[in-house]
Amino acid sequence: MGRDKALLQFGGKTLLEGALVLASTVAPKLKIVGDPAKYAEFGPVVSDIYLDRGPLGGIHAALINTDTDLNLILATDLPFVAPAFLQHLIATARSTDALVTVPKLGHFFEPLCAIYRKGFSNVAQQALIEGRNKVDALFTAGITYLVSEEEIVAAGFSPAMFRNLNTPEDFASL
């Protein structure tokens, strides 16, 4: 993107503010994972323990800093996710013992719009210690419940809600 996506303006607020509003529809306590110097004005911030390790480092930091079993991890660059879908995702996570409940569209996971149990912090930490940073590689049978595209559509949601903003062109197309 060339700049901090979280601070881009969309719909009269930053993408971060939009994500916080969205997450607040299903979660009573919110935390931002990132640099406190940049994000403290928006709410409580936790820093990565394993720096520069990408999304897995952020997921790990979030899970280490929670006392809640089920935790919504939501990226700031998914402004079209419906609150009702987050409710569906949480209900699905509650109905399973999986450590992760994650949408999967075709061959692609949505690890930054997923529910993680606190226990996933151990899986993440071991991977980070071993230098493995890819979140998707940790979604193995037995610990992961995949919410398929077919299930998403059958529940009345459009996969288009996962359209994210990775480039200036993506953002300009809004």
C-alpha atoms as a PDB file:
ATOM      1  CA  MET A   1       0.000   0.000   0.000  1.00  0.00           C
ATOM      2  CA  GLY A   2       2.922   2.304   0.639  1.00  0.00           C
ATOM      3  CA  ARG A   3       1.410   3.665   3.857  1.00  0.00           C
ATOM      4  CA  ASP A   4      -0.359   2.460   6.960  1.00  0.00           C
ATOM      5  CA  LYS A   5      -3.659   0.936   5.796  1.00  0.00           C
ATOM      6  CA  ALA A   6      -5.179   1.203   9.260  1.00  0.00           C
ATOM      7  CA  LEU A   7      -5.079   5.001   9.069  1.00  0.00           C
ATOM      8  CA  LEU A   8      -6.607   5.348   5.591  1.00  0.00           C
ATOM      9  CA  GLN A   9      -9.927   7.175   5.552  1.00  0.00           C
ATOM     10  CA  PHE A  10     -12.978   5.269   4.341  1.00  0.00           C
ATOM     11  CA  GLY A  11     -16.590   6.244   4.951  1.00  0.00           C
ATOM     12  CA  GLY A  12     -15.662   9.178   7.200  1.00  0.00           C
ATOM     13  CA  LYS A  13     -13.369   7.221   9.515  1.00  0.00           C
ATOM     14  CA  THR A  14     -10.104   5.355   9.421  1.00  0.00           C
ATOM     15  CA  LEU A  15     -10.116   1.701   8.466  1.00  0.00           C
ATOM     16  CA  LEU A  16      -8.986   0.991  12.036  1.00  0.00           C
ATOM     17  CA  GLU A  17     -11.950   2.872  13.477  1.00  0.00           C
ATOM     18  CA  GLY A  18     -14.267   0.985  11.127  1.00  0.00           C
ATOM     19  CA  ALA A  19     -12.805  -2.355  12.210  1.00  0.00           C
ATOM     20  CA  LEU A  20     -13.208  -1.406  15.871  1.00  0.00           C
ATOM     21  CA  VAL A  21     -16.855  -0.469  15.306  1.00  0.00           C
ATOM     22  CA  LEU A  22     -17.433  -3.756  13.462  1.00  0.00           C
ATOM     23  CA  ALA A  23     -15.687  -5.857  16.125  1.00  0.00           C
ATOM     24  CA  SER A  24     -17.589  -4.077  18.900  1.00  0.00           C
ATOM     25  CA  THR A  25     -20.844  -5.500  17.492  1.00  0.00           C
ATOM     26  CA  VAL A  26     -19.782  -8.959  18.729  1.00  0.00           C
ATOM     27  CA  ALA A  27     -16.970  -8.446  21.258  1.00  0.00           C
ATOM     28  CA  PRO A  28     -17.242  -6.566  24.554  1.00  0.00           C
ATOM     29  CA  LYS A  29     -13.479  -6.041  24.967  1.00  0.00           C
ATOM     30  CA  LEU A  30     -11.301  -4.889  22.103  1.00  0.00           C
ATOM     31  CA  LYS A  31      -7.542  -4.623  21.747  1.00  0.00           C
ATOM     32  CA  ILE A  32      -5.466  -3.363  18.876  1.00  0.00           C
ATOM     33  CA  VAL A  33      -2.282  -5.209  17.965  1.00  0.00           C
ATOM     34  CA  GLY A  34       0.400  -2.853  16.740  1.00  0.00           C
ATOM     35  CA  ASP A  35       2.560   0.096  17.657  1.00  0.00           C
ATOM     36  CA  PRO A  36       1.195   1.908  20.720  1.00  0.00           C
ATOM     37  CA  ALA A  37       2.729   5.173  19.522  1.00  0.00           C
ATOM     38  CA  LYS A  38       0.560   5.010  16.381  1.00  0.00           C
ATOM     39  CA  TYR A  39      -2.657   3.499  17.683  1.00  0.00           C
ATOM     40  CA  ALA A  40      -3.074   4.352  21.396  1.00  0.00           C
ATOM     41  CA  GLU A  41      -5.552   7.123  20.613  1.00  0.00           C
ATOM     42  CA  PHE A  42      -7.953   4.473  19.257  1.00  0.00           C
ATOM     43  CA  GLY A  43      -7.947   2.109  22.253  1.00  0.00           C
ATOM     44  CA  PRO A  44      -5.837  -0.382  24.216  1.00  0.00           C
ATOM     45  CA  VAL A  45      -2.840  -1.572  22.201  1.00  0.00           C
ATOM     46  CA  VAL A  46      -0.669  -4.655  22.593  1.00  0.00           C
ATOM     47  CA  SER A  47       2.686  -4.968  20.872  1.00  0.00           C
ATOM     48  CA  ASP A  48       4.044  -7.962  19.022  1.00  0.00           C
ATOM     49  CA  ILE A  49       6.355 -10.095  21.133  1.00  0.00           C
ATOM     50  CA  TYR A  50       7.972 -11.541  18.002  1.00  0.00           C
ATOM     51  CA  LEU A  51       8.662  -8.431  15.921  1.00  0.00           C
ATOM     52  CA  ASP A  52       8.437  -8.327  12.138  1.00  0.00           C
ATOM     53  CA  ARG A  53       6.908 -11.792  11.866  1.00  0.00           C
ATOM     54  CA  GLY A  54       3.737 -10.774  10.040  1.00  0.00           C
ATOM     55  CA  PRO A  55       0.188 -11.734  10.954  1.00  0.00           C
ATOM     56  CA  LEU A  56       1.224 -14.763  13.030  1.00  0.00           C
ATOM     57  CA  GLY A  57       3.205 -12.497  15.356  1.00  0.00           C
ATOM     58  CA  GLY A  58       0.131 -10.307  15.782  1.00  0.00           C
ATOM     59  CA  ILE A  59      -2.203 -13.242  16.390  1.00  0.00           C
ATOM     60  CA  HIS A  60       0.217 -14.586  18.996  1.00  0.00           C
ATOM     61  CA  ALA A  61       0.451 -11.190  20.747  1.00  0.00           C
ATOM     62  CA  ALA A  62      -3.342 -10.888  20.816  1.00  0.00           C
ATOM     63  CA  LEU A  63      -3.804 -14.359  22.308  1.00  0.00           C
ATOM     64  CA  ILE A  64      -1.068 -13.913  24.909  1.00  0.00           C
ATOM     65  CA  ASN A  65      -2.783 -10.702  26.035  1.00  0.00           C
ATOM     66  CA  THR A  66      -6.305 -12.030  26.499  1.00  0.00           C
ATOM     67  CA  ASP A  67      -8.132 -13.849  29.236  1.00  0.00           C
ATOM     68  CA  THR A  68     -10.939 -14.859  26.864  1.00  0.00           C
ATOM     69  CA  ASP A  69     -11.123 -18.341  25.340  1.00  0.00           C
ATOM     70  CA  LEU A  70     -12.711 -17.328  22.013  1.00  0.00           C
ATOM     71  CA  ASN A  71     -11.061 -14.373  20.300  1.00  0.00           C
ATOM     72  CA  LEU A  72     -12.017 -12.632  17.080  1.00  0.00           C
ATOM     73  CA  ILE A  73      -8.989 -11.622  15.042  1.00  0.00           C
ATOM     74  CA  LEU A  74     -10.060  -9.026  12.481  1.00  0.00           C
ATOM     75  CA  ALA A  75      -7.873  -7.143  10.006  1.00  0.00           C
ATOM     76  CA  THR A  76      -8.461  -3.467   9.396  1.00  0.00           C
ATOM     77  CA  ASP A  77      -8.570  -3.949   5.631  1.00  0.00           C
ATOM     78  CA  LEU A  78     -11.825  -5.907   5.492  1.00  0.00           C
ATOM     79  CA  PRO A  79     -14.403  -3.090   5.618  1.00  0.00           C
ATOM     80  CA  PHE A  80     -17.184  -5.102   3.982  1.00  0.00           C
ATOM     81  CA  VAL A  81     -17.507  -7.947   6.489  1.00  0.00           C
ATOM     82  CA  ALA A  82     -21.043  -8.058   7.866  1.00  0.00           C
ATOM     83  CA  PRO A  83     -21.644  -8.002  11.635  1.00  0.00           C
ATOM     84  CA  ALA A  84     -24.086 -10.886  11.165  1.00  0.00           C
ATOM     85  CA  PHE A  85     -21.281 -12.941   9.628  1.00  0.00           C
ATOM     86  CA  LEU A  86     -19.113 -12.341  12.699  1.00  0.00           C
ATOM     87  CA  GLN A  87     -22.010 -13.575  14.848  1.00  0.00           C
ATOM     88  CA  HIS A  88     -22.263 -16.662  12.620  1.00  0.00           C
ATOM     89  CA  LEU A  89     -18.511 -17.237  12.902  1.00  0.00           C
ATOM     90  CA  ILE A  90     -18.611 -17.014  16.702  1.00  0.00           C
ATOM     91  CA  ALA A  91     -21.599 -19.355  16.910  1.00  0.00           C
ATOM     92  CA  THR A  92     -19.754 -21.817  14.682  1.00  0.00           C
ATOM     93  CA  ALA A  93     -16.626 -21.581  16.873  1.00  0.00           C
ATOM     94  CA  ARG A  94     -18.718 -22.229  19.999  1.00  0.00           C
ATOM     95  CA  SER A  95     -20.112 -25.395  18.420  1.00  0.00           C
ATOM     96  CA  THR A  96     -16.679 -26.963  17.931  1.00  0.00           C
ATOM     97  CA  ASP A  97     -13.592 -27.715  19.996  1.00  0.00           C
ATOM     98  CA  ALA A  98     -11.285 -26.485  17.233  1.00  0.00           C
ATOM     99  CA  LEU A  99      -8.546 -24.038  18.195  1.00  0.00           C
ATOM    100  CA  VAL A 100      -9.287 -22.020  15.053  1.00  0.00           C
ATOM    101  CA  THR A 101     -12.508 -21.395  13.153  1.00  0.00           C
ATOM    102  CA  VAL A 102     -11.511 -19.840   9.844  1.00  0.00           C
ATOM    103  CA  PRO A 103     -13.294 -19.038   6.594  1.00  0.00           C
ATOM    104  CA  LYS A 104     -11.859 -20.622   3.463  1.00  0.00           C
ATOM    105  CA  LEU A 105     -12.782 -19.334   0.020  1.00  0.00           C
ATOM    106  CA  GLY A 106     -11.611 -21.677  -2.705  1.00  0.00           C
ATOM    107  CA  HIS A 107      -7.990 -22.379  -1.833  1.00  0.00           C
ATOM    108  CA  PHE A 108      -7.544 -19.271   0.322  1.00  0.00           C
ATOM    109  CA  PHE A 109      -7.985 -18.910   4.073  1.00  0.00           C
ATOM    110  CA  GLU A 110      -9.121 -15.704   5.778  1.00  0.00           C
ATOM    111  CA  PRO A 111      -6.901 -15.936   8.880  1.00  0.00           C
ATOM    112  CA  LEU A 112      -7.505 -12.298   9.768  1.00  0.00           C
ATOM    113  CA  CYS A 113     -11.253 -12.748  10.007  1.00  0.00           C
ATOM    114  CA  ALA A 114     -11.303 -15.812  12.210  1.00  0.00           C
ATOM    115  CA  ILE A 115     -11.940 -17.023  15.736  1.00  0.00           C
ATOM    116  CA  TYR A 116      -8.943 -18.276  17.689  1.00  0.00           C
ATOM    117  CA  ARG A 117      -9.071 -20.013  21.033  1.00  0.00           C
ATOM    118  CA  LYS A 118      -6.511 -18.797  23.539  1.00  0.00           C
ATOM    119  CA  GLY A 119      -4.814 -22.208  23.331  1.00  0.00           C
ATOM    120  CA  PHE A 120      -3.732 -21.442  19.772  1.00  0.00           C
ATOM    121  CA  SER A 121      -1.115 -19.144  21.334  1.00  0.00           C
ATOM    122  CA  ASN A 122       0.955 -22.264  22.102  1.00  0.00           C
ATOM    123  CA  VAL A 123       0.797 -23.433  18.482  1.00  0.00           C
ATOM    124  CA  ALA A 124       1.693 -19.940  17.249  1.00  0.00           C
ATOM    125  CA  GLN A 125       4.542 -19.545  19.708  1.00  0.00           C
ATOM    126  CA  GLN A 126       6.109 -22.877  18.756  1.00  0.00           C
ATOM    127  CA  ALA A 127       5.948 -21.952  15.086  1.00  0.00           C
ATOM    128  CA  LEU A 128       7.470 -18.530  15.764  1.00  0.00           C
ATOM    129  CA  ILE A 129      10.280 -20.068  17.822  1.00  0.00           C
ATOM    130  CA  GLU A 130      11.001 -22.399  14.886  1.00  0.00           C
ATOM    131  CA  GLY A 131      11.036 -19.485  12.434  1.00  0.00           C
ATOM    132  CA  ARG A 132       7.807 -20.520  10.718  1.00  0.00           C
ATOM    133  CA  ASN A 133       5.689 -17.413  10.118  1.00  0.00           C
ATOM    134  CA  LYS A 134       2.947 -18.652   7.781  1.00  0.00           C
ATOM    135  CA  VAL A 135      -0.410 -18.761   9.546  1.00  0.00           C
ATOM    136  CA  ASP A 136      -2.112 -20.982   6.968  1.00  0.00           C
ATOM    137  CA  ALA A 137       0.465 -23.730   7.498  1.00  0.00           C
ATOM    138  CA  LEU A 138      -0.814 -24.110  11.068  1.00  0.00           C
ATOM    139  CA  PHE A 139      -4.397 -24.830  10.027  1.00  0.00           C
ATOM    140  CA  THR A 140      -4.139 -28.588  10.343  1.00  0.00           C
ATOM    141  CA  ALA A 141      -6.794 -31.223  10.816  1.00  0.00           C
ATOM    142  CA  GLY A 142      -7.832 -31.669  14.396  1.00  0.00           C
ATOM    143  CA  ILE A 143      -7.256 -28.079  15.477  1.00  0.00           C
ATOM    144  CA  THR A 144      -9.025 -26.181  12.690  1.00  0.00           C
ATOM    145  CA  TYR A 145     -12.639 -25.881  11.636  1.00  0.00           C
ATOM    146  CA  LEU A 146     -12.887 -24.593   8.071  1.00  0.00           C
ATOM    147  CA  VAL A 147     -15.939 -22.515   7.243  1.00  0.00           C
ATOM    148  CA  SER A 148     -16.233 -23.284   3.541  1.00  0.00           C
ATOM    149  CA  GLU A 149     -17.375 -20.891   0.868  1.00  0.00           C
ATOM    150  CA  GLU A 150     -20.423 -23.109   0.369  1.00  0.00           C
ATOM    151  CA  GLU A 151     -21.280 -22.808   4.069  1.00  0.00           C
ATOM    152  CA  ILE A 152     -20.821 -19.030   3.927  1.00  0.00           C
ATOM    153  CA  VAL A 153     -23.179 -18.749   0.957  1.00  0.00           C
ATOM    154  CA  ALA A 154     -25.692 -21.200   2.464  1.00  0.00           C
ATOM    155  CA  ALA A 155     -25.802 -19.010   5.593  1.00  0.00           C
ATOM    156  CA  GLY A 156     -26.776 -16.056   3.395  1.00  0.00           C
ATOM    157  CA  PHE A 157     -23.463 -14.215   3.105  1.00  0.00           C
ATOM    158  CA  SER A 158     -21.547 -13.098   0.048  1.00  0.00           C
ATOM    159  CA  PRO A 159     -17.892 -14.096  -0.279  1.00  0.00           C
ATOM    160  CA  ALA A 160     -17.356 -10.607  -1.741  1.00  0.00           C
ATOM    161  CA  MET A 161     -17.369  -9.255   1.831  1.00  0.00           C
ATOM    162  CA  PHE A 162     -13.794 -10.545   2.120  1.00  0.00           C
ATOM    163  CA  ARG A 163     -12.568  -8.131  -0.524  1.00  0.00           C
ATOM    164  CA  ASN A 164      -9.599  -6.544   1.144  1.00  0.00           C
ATOM    165  CA  LEU A 165      -7.450  -3.546   0.392  1.00  0.00           C
ATOM    166  CA  ASN A 166      -3.857  -4.450  -0.378  1.00  0.00           C
ATOM    167  CA  THR A 167      -2.845  -1.913  -3.004  1.00  0.00           C
ATOM    168  CA  PRO A 168      -3.479   1.768  -3.767  1.00  0.00           C
ATOM    169  CA  GLU A 169      -5.522   0.544  -6.760  1.00  0.00           C
ATOM    170  CA  ASP A 170      -7.731  -1.596  -4.467  1.00  0.00           C
ATOM    171  CA  PHE A 171      -8.333   1.422  -2.259  1.00  0.00           C
ATOM    172  CA  ALA A 172      -8.959   3.764  -5.201  1.00  0.00           C
ATOM    173  CA  SER A 173     -11.561   1.361  -6.618  1.00  0.00           C
ATOM    174  CA  LEU A 174     -13.761   1.909  -3.556  1.00  0.00           C
END
